[in-house]
Amino acid sequence: MNQDFRDAVVSIIDQYMRDNIHTSAPAKVGNVSENFTAELTPDLKVTTDDDREVPYPKISGTAILMPTGAGGTIGFAFPVHSGDGCVAIFGEGGSGTDLKWDLSNATLLPGLPASSSEQVKRAGSEDAAVVFAPTATITVKKDSIELKKKDTVVTMKDDSVTVKRGASEIKVTNGSIKSKNGGTSVEKLPASVKITTATVDVTGNVKIKGNVQVQGNVDISGTLTLGGIVMNTHTHAGVHGLTGGPQ
């Protein structure tokens, strides 16, 4: 076999493979069924013998790849809509056939956006995993987890949990070490719950074991008992006789 003939055969085979064998391609999602299969249109074109470019046909019944395991009982699912960008993957076999890289063997890998969104940019700039929907985000970083829904933010760190909604805040800490005297000594801060808000309204019984400090007025509409003595009706005997009740 001379070299020219060999080169011609290789060229023909190479051209055939480039024109007819595809392993993957960007594509658009069409009609979606149960968020499990979908129609897709690969962003590919075929050049005919008369040099016309013909788009690839739509492929129906394409399986959508979703990250699940344990028989589909554990995983992460999200909606796939018509018009979404995706990647069409053409594999070997599938559908009980021995076809290789055939259109009928396509699977759909969703998540090929047309542009970078704000949350995608955040994930890259903050080294975070971000799960997001139109009005809610979950941001997981090395040292914190943040859940946000409009103006409500829950932040979890190794030593604290903070809940914020508008101007109100609840912060729970498990204690920490505070440096003193320029770092020559340390102070162990106790665990605490700090509530910052305009009004705290509690319905039900409250039992406190420990000291109570009040900065402000105390208004009691019921009965006040101190050391077993009912202060609402308590009187004193004095040089001028019994005192009157508390006014």
C-alpha atoms as a PDB file:
ATOM      1  CA  MET A   1       0.000   0.000   0.000  1.00  0.00           C
ATOM      2  CA  ASN A   2       1.639   3.209  -1.123  1.00  0.00           C
ATOM      3  CA  GLN A   3       1.701   6.282   1.072  1.00  0.00           C
ATOM      4  CA  ASP A   4      -0.721   8.315  -1.056  1.00  0.00           C
ATOM      5  CA  PHE A   5      -3.381   5.615  -0.872  1.00  0.00           C
ATOM      6  CA  ARG A   6      -2.868   5.241   2.869  1.00  0.00           C
ATOM      7  CA  ASP A   7      -3.178   8.984   3.401  1.00  0.00           C
ATOM      8  CA  ALA A   8      -6.385   9.042   1.335  1.00  0.00           C
ATOM      9  CA  VAL A   9      -7.929   6.249   3.430  1.00  0.00           C
ATOM     10  CA  VAL A  10      -6.941   7.949   6.687  1.00  0.00           C
ATOM     11  CA  SER A  11      -8.370  11.222   5.431  1.00  0.00           C
ATOM     12  CA  ILE A  12     -11.688   9.599   4.521  1.00  0.00           C
ATOM     13  CA  ILE A  13     -11.942   7.848   7.896  1.00  0.00           C
ATOM     14  CA  ASP A  14     -10.968  11.023   9.751  1.00  0.00           C
ATOM     15  CA  GLN A  15     -13.549  13.065   7.872  1.00  0.00           C
ATOM     16  CA  TYR A  16     -16.241  10.453   8.533  1.00  0.00           C
ATOM     17  CA  MET A  17     -15.469  10.408  12.263  1.00  0.00           C
ATOM     18  CA  ARG A  18     -15.480  14.195  12.523  1.00  0.00           C
ATOM     19  CA  ASP A  19     -18.785  14.424  10.659  1.00  0.00           C
ATOM     20  CA  ASN A  20     -20.613  11.488  12.206  1.00  0.00           C
ATOM     21  CA  ILE A  21     -19.193  10.660  15.642  1.00  0.00           C
ATOM     22  CA  HIS A  22     -19.865  13.041  18.515  1.00  0.00           C
ATOM     23  CA  THR A  23     -19.251  12.323  22.192  1.00  0.00           C
ATOM     24  CA  SER A  24     -20.853  15.501  23.578  1.00  0.00           C
ATOM     25  CA  ALA A  25     -22.163  18.868  22.512  1.00  0.00           C
ATOM     26  CA  PRO A  26     -23.799  21.963  23.997  1.00  0.00           C
ATOM     27  CA  ALA A  27     -27.574  21.786  23.613  1.00  0.00           C
ATOM     28  CA  LYS A  28     -30.916  23.373  24.521  1.00  0.00           C
ATOM     29  CA  VAL A  29     -33.623  21.741  26.588  1.00  0.00           C
ATOM     30  CA  GLY A  30     -37.054  21.367  24.992  1.00  0.00           C
ATOM     31  CA  ASN A  31     -40.204  19.857  26.492  1.00  0.00           C
ATOM     32  CA  VAL A  32     -39.608  18.297  29.926  1.00  0.00           C
ATOM     33  CA  SER A  33     -41.529  15.302  31.300  1.00  0.00           C
ATOM     34  CA  GLU A  34     -41.696  14.823  35.104  1.00  0.00           C
ATOM     35  CA  ASN A  35     -38.284  16.485  35.434  1.00  0.00           C
ATOM     36  CA  PHE A  36     -36.892  13.068  34.445  1.00  0.00           C
ATOM     37  CA  THR A  37     -36.691  13.065  30.651  1.00  0.00           C
ATOM     38  CA  ALA A  38     -36.615  15.886  28.141  1.00  0.00           C
ATOM     39  CA  GLU A  39     -36.392  16.788  24.497  1.00  0.00           C
ATOM     40  CA  LEU A  40     -33.102  18.408  23.546  1.00  0.00           C
ATOM     41  CA  THR A  41     -31.587  20.019  20.489  1.00  0.00           C
ATOM     42  CA  PRO A  42     -27.788  19.655  20.105  1.00  0.00           C
ATOM     43  CA  ASP A  43     -25.928  22.726  18.928  1.00  0.00           C
ATOM     44  CA  LEU A  44     -24.506  20.795  15.964  1.00  0.00           C
ATOM     45  CA  LYS A  45     -24.852  21.067  12.231  1.00  0.00           C
ATOM     46  CA  VAL A  46     -24.335  18.629   9.387  1.00  0.00           C
ATOM     47  CA  THR A  47     -22.757  19.791   6.115  1.00  0.00           C
ATOM     48  CA  THR A  48     -24.429  18.165   3.125  1.00  0.00           C
ATOM     49  CA  ASP A  49     -22.736  17.201  -0.142  1.00  0.00           C
ATOM     50  CA  ASP A  50     -23.879  20.487  -1.667  1.00  0.00           C
ATOM     51  CA  ASP A  51     -22.286  22.414   1.250  1.00  0.00           C
ATOM     52  CA  ARG A  52     -25.562  23.227   3.020  1.00  0.00           C
ATOM     53  CA  GLU A  53     -25.507  23.311   6.856  1.00  0.00           C
ATOM     54  CA  VAL A  54     -28.438  21.423   8.351  1.00  0.00           C
ATOM     55  CA  PRO A  55     -29.081  21.581  12.146  1.00  0.00           C
ATOM     56  CA  TYR A  56     -29.195  18.347  14.111  1.00  0.00           C
ATOM     57  CA  PRO A  57     -32.726  17.114  14.791  1.00  0.00           C
ATOM     58  CA  LYS A  58     -34.423  17.269  18.178  1.00  0.00           C
ATOM     59  CA  ILE A  59     -33.904  14.220  20.377  1.00  0.00           C
ATOM     60  CA  SER A  60     -36.859  13.131  22.494  1.00  0.00           C
ATOM     61  CA  GLY A  61     -36.986  11.042  25.671  1.00  0.00           C
ATOM     62  CA  THR A  62     -33.500  12.016  26.795  1.00  0.00           C
ATOM     63  CA  ALA A  63     -32.694  11.056  30.399  1.00  0.00           C
ATOM     64  CA  ILE A  64     -31.804  13.996  32.662  1.00  0.00           C
ATOM     65  CA  LEU A  65     -28.782  13.381  34.889  1.00  0.00           C
ATOM     66  CA  MET A  66     -29.550  14.162  38.563  1.00  0.00           C
ATOM     67  CA  PRO A  67     -27.105  13.571  41.461  1.00  0.00           C
ATOM     68  CA  THR A  68     -28.924  10.842  43.399  1.00  0.00           C
ATOM     69  CA  GLY A  69     -28.031   7.575  45.065  1.00  0.00           C
ATOM     70  CA  ALA A  70     -29.441   4.903  47.359  1.00  0.00           C
ATOM     71  CA  GLY A  71     -31.924   3.897  44.703  1.00  0.00           C
ATOM     72  CA  GLY A  72     -32.943   7.496  44.128  1.00  0.00           C
ATOM     73  CA  THR A  73     -33.945   8.038  47.774  1.00  0.00           C
ATOM     74  CA  ILE A  74     -31.053  10.395  48.609  1.00  0.00           C
ATOM     75  CA  GLY A  75     -29.755  13.176  46.430  1.00  0.00           C
ATOM     76  CA  PHE A  76     -30.130  16.717  45.198  1.00  0.00           C
ATOM     77  CA  ALA A  77     -32.803  17.696  42.690  1.00  0.00           C
ATOM     78  CA  PHE A  78     -33.583  20.946  40.906  1.00  0.00           C
ATOM     79  CA  PRO A  79     -36.027  21.951  38.169  1.00  0.00           C
ATOM     80  CA  VAL A  80     -35.033  21.710  34.512  1.00  0.00           C
ATOM     81  CA  HIS A  81     -37.056  23.980  32.217  1.00  0.00           C
ATOM     82  CA  SER A  82     -37.502  24.333  28.499  1.00  0.00           C
ATOM     83  CA  GLY A  83     -34.895  26.740  27.120  1.00  0.00           C
ATOM     84  CA  ASP A  84     -32.222  25.859  29.684  1.00  0.00           C
ATOM     85  CA  GLY A  85     -28.701  25.285  28.467  1.00  0.00           C
ATOM     86  CA  CYS A  86     -27.277  21.780  28.878  1.00  0.00           C
ATOM     87  CA  VAL A  87     -24.691  19.337  27.583  1.00  0.00           C
ATOM     88  CA  ALA A  88     -25.786  16.401  25.430  1.00  0.00           C
ATOM     89  CA  ILE A  89     -23.624  13.328  26.029  1.00  0.00           C
ATOM     90  CA  PHE A  90     -23.546  10.595  23.391  1.00  0.00           C
ATOM     91  CA  GLY A  91     -22.301   7.301  24.782  1.00  0.00           C
ATOM     92  CA  GLU A  92     -21.921   3.728  23.714  1.00  0.00           C
ATOM     93  CA  GLY A  93     -24.919   1.412  23.851  1.00  0.00           C
ATOM     94  CA  GLY A  94     -28.001   2.412  25.810  1.00  0.00           C
ATOM     95  CA  SER A  95     -31.677   1.677  25.221  1.00  0.00           C
ATOM     96  CA  GLY A  96     -30.816  -2.019  24.941  1.00  0.00           C
ATOM     97  CA  THR A  97     -28.869  -1.516  21.717  1.00  0.00           C
ATOM     98  CA  ASP A  98     -25.258  -1.824  20.677  1.00  0.00           C
ATOM     99  CA  LEU A  99     -25.275   1.530  18.911  1.00  0.00           C
ATOM    100  CA  LYS A 100     -22.234   3.672  19.607  1.00  0.00           C
ATOM    101  CA  TRP A 101     -22.394   7.458  19.911  1.00  0.00           C
ATOM    102  CA  ASP A 102     -25.857   7.432  18.367  1.00  0.00           C
ATOM    103  CA  LEU A 103     -28.355  10.247  18.894  1.00  0.00           C
ATOM    104  CA  SER A 104     -30.713   7.801  20.581  1.00  0.00           C
ATOM    105  CA  ASN A 105     -28.103   7.223  23.289  1.00  0.00           C
ATOM    106  CA  ALA A 106     -28.002  10.852  24.374  1.00  0.00           C
ATOM    107  CA  THR A 107     -28.216  11.814  28.046  1.00  0.00           C
ATOM    108  CA  LEU A 108     -28.785  15.349  29.276  1.00  0.00           C
ATOM    109  CA  LEU A 109     -26.441  17.050  31.727  1.00  0.00           C
ATOM    110  CA  PRO A 110     -28.218  20.247  32.901  1.00  0.00           C
ATOM    111  CA  GLY A 111     -26.500  23.374  34.125  1.00  0.00           C
ATOM    112  CA  LEU A 112     -24.929  25.146  31.151  1.00  0.00           C
ATOM    113  CA  PRO A 113     -25.992  28.790  31.747  1.00  0.00           C
ATOM    114  CA  ALA A 114     -25.748  31.449  29.089  1.00  0.00           C
ATOM    115  CA  SER A 115     -23.943  33.803  31.498  1.00  0.00           C
ATOM    116  CA  SER A 116     -22.525  33.914  35.016  1.00  0.00           C
ATOM    117  CA  SER A 117     -25.115  34.815  37.671  1.00  0.00           C
ATOM    118  CA  GLU A 118     -24.470  36.760  40.875  1.00  0.00           C
ATOM    119  CA  GLN A 119     -24.552  33.588  42.981  1.00  0.00           C
ATOM    120  CA  VAL A 120     -22.188  31.732  40.657  1.00  0.00           C
ATOM    121  CA  LYS A 121     -19.737  34.631  40.919  1.00  0.00           C
ATOM    122  CA  ARG A 122     -20.071  34.582  44.736  1.00  0.00           C
ATOM    123  CA  ALA A 123     -19.244  30.894  44.856  1.00  0.00           C
ATOM    124  CA  GLY A 124     -15.983  31.569  43.046  1.00  0.00           C
ATOM    125  CA  SER A 125     -14.960  34.755  44.852  1.00  0.00           C
ATOM    126  CA  GLU A 126     -15.829  33.470  48.359  1.00  0.00           C
ATOM    127  CA  ASP A 127     -14.674  29.834  47.967  1.00  0.00           C
ATOM    128  CA  ALA A 128     -18.183  28.722  48.900  1.00  0.00           C
ATOM    129  CA  ALA A 129     -20.821  26.230  47.881  1.00  0.00           C
ATOM    130  CA  VAL A 130     -23.974  28.219  47.154  1.00  0.00           C
ATOM    131  CA  VAL A 131     -27.456  26.715  46.798  1.00  0.00           C
ATOM    132  CA  PHE A 132     -29.846  29.361  45.576  1.00  0.00           C
ATOM    133  CA  ALA A 133     -33.422  30.056  44.502  1.00  0.00           C
ATOM    134  CA  PRO A 134     -35.061  33.393  43.594  1.00  0.00           C
ATOM    135  CA  THR A 135     -35.482  34.607  47.233  1.00  0.00           C
ATOM    136  CA  ALA A 136     -33.318  32.209  49.243  1.00  0.00           C
ATOM    137  CA  THR A 137     -29.682  31.098  49.466  1.00  0.00           C
ATOM    138  CA  ILE A 138     -27.619  28.622  51.465  1.00  0.00           C
ATOM    139  CA  THR A 139     -23.921  29.480  51.536  1.00  0.00           C
ATOM    140  CA  VAL A 140     -21.450  26.920  52.902  1.00  0.00           C
ATOM    141  CA  LYS A 141     -17.911  28.136  53.614  1.00  0.00           C
ATOM    142  CA  LYS A 142     -14.964  26.623  55.440  1.00  0.00           C
ATOM    143  CA  ASP A 143     -15.825  28.419  58.691  1.00  0.00           C
ATOM    144  CA  SER A 144     -19.560  29.140  58.440  1.00  0.00           C
ATOM    145  CA  ILE A 145     -22.953  28.174  57.028  1.00  0.00           C
ATOM    146  CA  GLU A 146     -25.446  30.910  56.146  1.00  0.00           C
ATOM    147  CA  LEU A 147     -29.153  30.504  55.403  1.00  0.00           C
ATOM    148  CA  LYS A 148     -30.838  33.586  53.958  1.00  0.00           C
ATOM    149  CA  LYS A 149     -34.505  34.178  53.110  1.00  0.00           C
ATOM    150  CA  LYS A 150     -35.187  37.795  52.167  1.00  0.00           C
ATOM    151  CA  ASP A 151     -34.364  39.803  55.336  1.00  0.00           C
ATOM    152  CA  THR A 152     -33.925  36.742  57.599  1.00  0.00           C
ATOM    153  CA  VAL A 153     -30.366  35.429  58.009  1.00  0.00           C
ATOM    154  CA  VAL A 154     -29.208  32.434  60.072  1.00  0.00           C
ATOM    155  CA  THR A 155     -25.426  32.152  60.472  1.00  0.00           C
ATOM    156  CA  MET A 156     -23.781  29.091  62.037  1.00  0.00           C
ATOM    157  CA  LYS A 157     -20.128  29.098  63.107  1.00  0.00           C
ATOM    158  CA  ASP A 158     -18.026  26.802  65.274  1.00  0.00           C
ATOM    159  CA  ASP A 159     -18.736  28.827  68.433  1.00  0.00           C
ATOM    160  CA  SER A 160     -22.036  30.593  67.732  1.00  0.00           C
ATOM    161  CA  VAL A 161     -25.415  30.661  66.010  1.00  0.00           C
ATOM    162  CA  THR A 162     -26.937  34.004  65.039  1.00  0.00           C
ATOM    163  CA  VAL A 163     -30.473  34.650  63.819  1.00  0.00           C
ATOM    164  CA  LYS A 164     -31.241  38.074  62.340  1.00  0.00           C
ATOM    165  CA  ARG A 165     -34.525  39.420  61.041  1.00  0.00           C
ATOM    166  CA  GLY A 166     -34.644  43.114  60.336  1.00  0.00           C
ATOM    167  CA  ALA A 167     -33.402  44.966  63.432  1.00  0.00           C
ATOM    168  CA  SER A 168     -33.888  41.946  65.744  1.00  0.00           C
ATOM    169  CA  GLU A 169     -31.100  39.507  66.573  1.00  0.00           C
ATOM    170  CA  ILE A 170     -30.597  36.385  68.686  1.00  0.00           C
ATOM    171  CA  LYS A 171     -27.038  35.184  69.242  1.00  0.00           C
ATOM    172  CA  VAL A 172     -26.131  31.940  71.027  1.00  0.00           C
ATOM    173  CA  THR A 173     -22.478  31.295  71.912  1.00  0.00           C
ATOM    174  CA  ASN A 174     -20.796  28.365  73.639  1.00  0.00           C
ATOM    175  CA  GLY A 175     -18.155  30.503  75.332  1.00  0.00           C
ATOM    176  CA  SER A 176     -14.818  31.747  74.061  1.00  0.00           C
ATOM    177  CA  ILE A 177     -11.353  32.878  75.083  1.00  0.00           C
ATOM    178  CA  LYS A 178     -10.670  36.615  75.247  1.00  0.00           C
ATOM    179  CA  SER A 179      -7.133  38.022  75.391  1.00  0.00           C
ATOM    180  CA  LYS A 180      -6.319  40.546  78.119  1.00  0.00           C
ATOM    181  CA  ASN A 181      -3.393  42.804  78.945  1.00  0.00           C
ATOM    182  CA  GLY A 182      -2.004  42.780  75.446  1.00  0.00           C
ATOM    183  CA  GLY A 183      -2.241  39.001  75.173  1.00  0.00           C
ATOM    184  CA  THR A 184      -0.325  38.196  78.385  1.00  0.00           C
ATOM    185  CA  SER A 185      -3.457  36.654  79.966  1.00  0.00           C
ATOM    186  CA  VAL A 186      -6.765  35.261  78.818  1.00  0.00           C
ATOM    187  CA  GLU A 187     -10.336  35.390  80.085  1.00  0.00           C
ATOM    188  CA  LYS A 188     -12.817  32.553  79.584  1.00  0.00           C
ATOM    189  CA  LEU A 189     -16.153  34.014  78.519  1.00  0.00           C
ATOM    190  CA  PRO A 190     -19.214  31.964  79.514  1.00  0.00           C
ATOM    191  CA  ALA A 191     -21.762  30.575  77.103  1.00  0.00           C
ATOM    192  CA  SER A 192     -24.567  33.050  76.508  1.00  0.00           C
ATOM    193  CA  VAL A 193     -27.771  33.920  74.687  1.00  0.00           C
ATOM    194  CA  LYS A 194     -28.135  37.554  73.647  1.00  0.00           C
ATOM    195  CA  ILE A 195     -31.438  38.905  72.338  1.00  0.00           C
ATOM    196  CA  THR A 196     -31.565  42.340  70.732  1.00  0.00           C
ATOM    197  CA  THR A 197     -35.051  43.519  69.799  1.00  0.00           C
ATOM    198  CA  ALA A 198     -37.681  46.133  70.632  1.00  0.00           C
ATOM    199  CA  THR A 199     -40.048  43.719  72.426  1.00  0.00           C
ATOM    200  CA  VAL A 200     -39.819  40.194  73.813  1.00  0.00           C
ATOM    201  CA  ASP A 201     -43.249  38.615  74.412  1.00  0.00           C
ATOM    202  CA  VAL A 202     -43.279  35.304  76.320  1.00  0.00           C
ATOM    203  CA  THR A 203     -46.461  33.273  76.818  1.00  0.00           C
ATOM    204  CA  GLY A 204     -46.141  30.537  79.450  1.00  0.00           C
ATOM    205  CA  ASN A 205     -44.268  29.870  82.659  1.00  0.00           C
ATOM    206  CA  VAL A 206     -40.649  31.022  83.039  1.00  0.00           C
ATOM    207  CA  LYS A 207     -38.211  29.442  85.511  1.00  0.00           C
ATOM    208  CA  ILE A 208     -34.828  31.046  86.139  1.00  0.00           C
ATOM    209  CA  LYS A 209     -31.951  29.388  88.023  1.00  0.00           C
ATOM    210  CA  GLY A 210     -29.412  32.110  88.624  1.00  0.00           C
ATOM    211  CA  ASN A 211     -29.181  35.816  89.199  1.00  0.00           C
ATOM    212  CA  VAL A 212     -31.358  38.428  87.504  1.00  0.00           C
ATOM    213  CA  GLN A 213     -30.219  41.970  86.731  1.00  0.00           C
ATOM    214  CA  VAL A 214     -32.732  44.548  85.506  1.00  0.00           C
ATOM    215  CA  GLN A 215     -31.821  47.938  84.074  1.00  0.00           C
ATOM    216  CA  GLY A 216     -35.149  49.708  83.821  1.00  0.00           C
ATOM    217  CA  ASN A 217     -38.611  49.513  85.336  1.00  0.00           C
ATOM    218  CA  VAL A 218     -40.506  46.398  86.428  1.00  0.00           C
ATOM    219  CA  ASP A 219     -44.288  46.370  86.028  1.00  0.00           C
ATOM    220  CA  ILE A 220     -46.132  43.413  87.627  1.00  0.00           C
ATOM    221  CA  SER A 221     -49.862  43.070  87.112  1.00  0.00           C
ATOM    222  CA  GLY A 222     -50.220  39.801  89.086  1.00  0.00           C
ATOM    223  CA  THR A 223     -49.020  38.623  92.481  1.00  0.00           C
ATOM    224  CA  LEU A 224     -45.424  39.232  93.609  1.00  0.00           C
ATOM    225  CA  THR A 225     -44.072  36.675  96.107  1.00  0.00           C
ATOM    226  CA  LEU A 226     -40.607  37.147  97.653  1.00  0.00           C
ATOM    227  CA  GLY A 227     -39.242  34.467  99.966  1.00  0.00           C
ATOM    228  CA  GLY A 228     -42.719  33.053 100.462  1.00  0.00           C
ATOM    229  CA  ILE A 229     -44.144  36.487 101.380  1.00  0.00           C
ATOM    230  CA  VAL A 230     -46.914  37.860  99.198  1.00  0.00           C
ATOM    231  CA  MET A 231     -45.873  41.456  98.691  1.00  0.00           C
ATOM    232  CA  ASN A 232     -49.266  42.549  97.338  1.00  0.00           C
ATOM    233  CA  THR A 233     -50.848  42.186 100.829  1.00  0.00           C
ATOM    234  CA  HIS A 234     -47.821  42.233 103.158  1.00  0.00           C
ATOM    235  CA  THR A 235     -47.919  44.704 106.081  1.00  0.00           C
ATOM    236  CA  HIS A 236     -45.538  45.664 108.908  1.00  0.00           C
ATOM    237  CA  ALA A 237     -46.176  46.154 112.645  1.00  0.00           C
ATOM    238  CA  GLY A 238     -44.626  49.398 113.863  1.00  0.00           C
ATOM    239  CA  VAL A 239     -44.771  51.961 116.616  1.00  0.00           C
ATOM    240  CA  HIS A 240     -47.814  53.491 114.970  1.00  0.00           C
ATOM    241  CA  GLY A 241     -49.628  50.210 114.438  1.00  0.00           C
ATOM    242  CA  LEU A 242     -49.985  48.156 111.327  1.00  0.00           C
ATOM    243  CA  THR A 243     -48.954  49.726 108.105  1.00  0.00           C
ATOM    244  CA  GLY A 244     -51.240  49.792 105.133  1.00  0.00           C
ATOM    245  CA  GLY A 245     -50.778  47.501 102.163  1.00  0.00           C
ATOM    246  CA  PRO A 246     -48.460  48.376  99.342  1.00  0.00           C
ATOM    247  CA  GLN A 247     -49.730  51.235  97.196  1.00  0.00           C
END
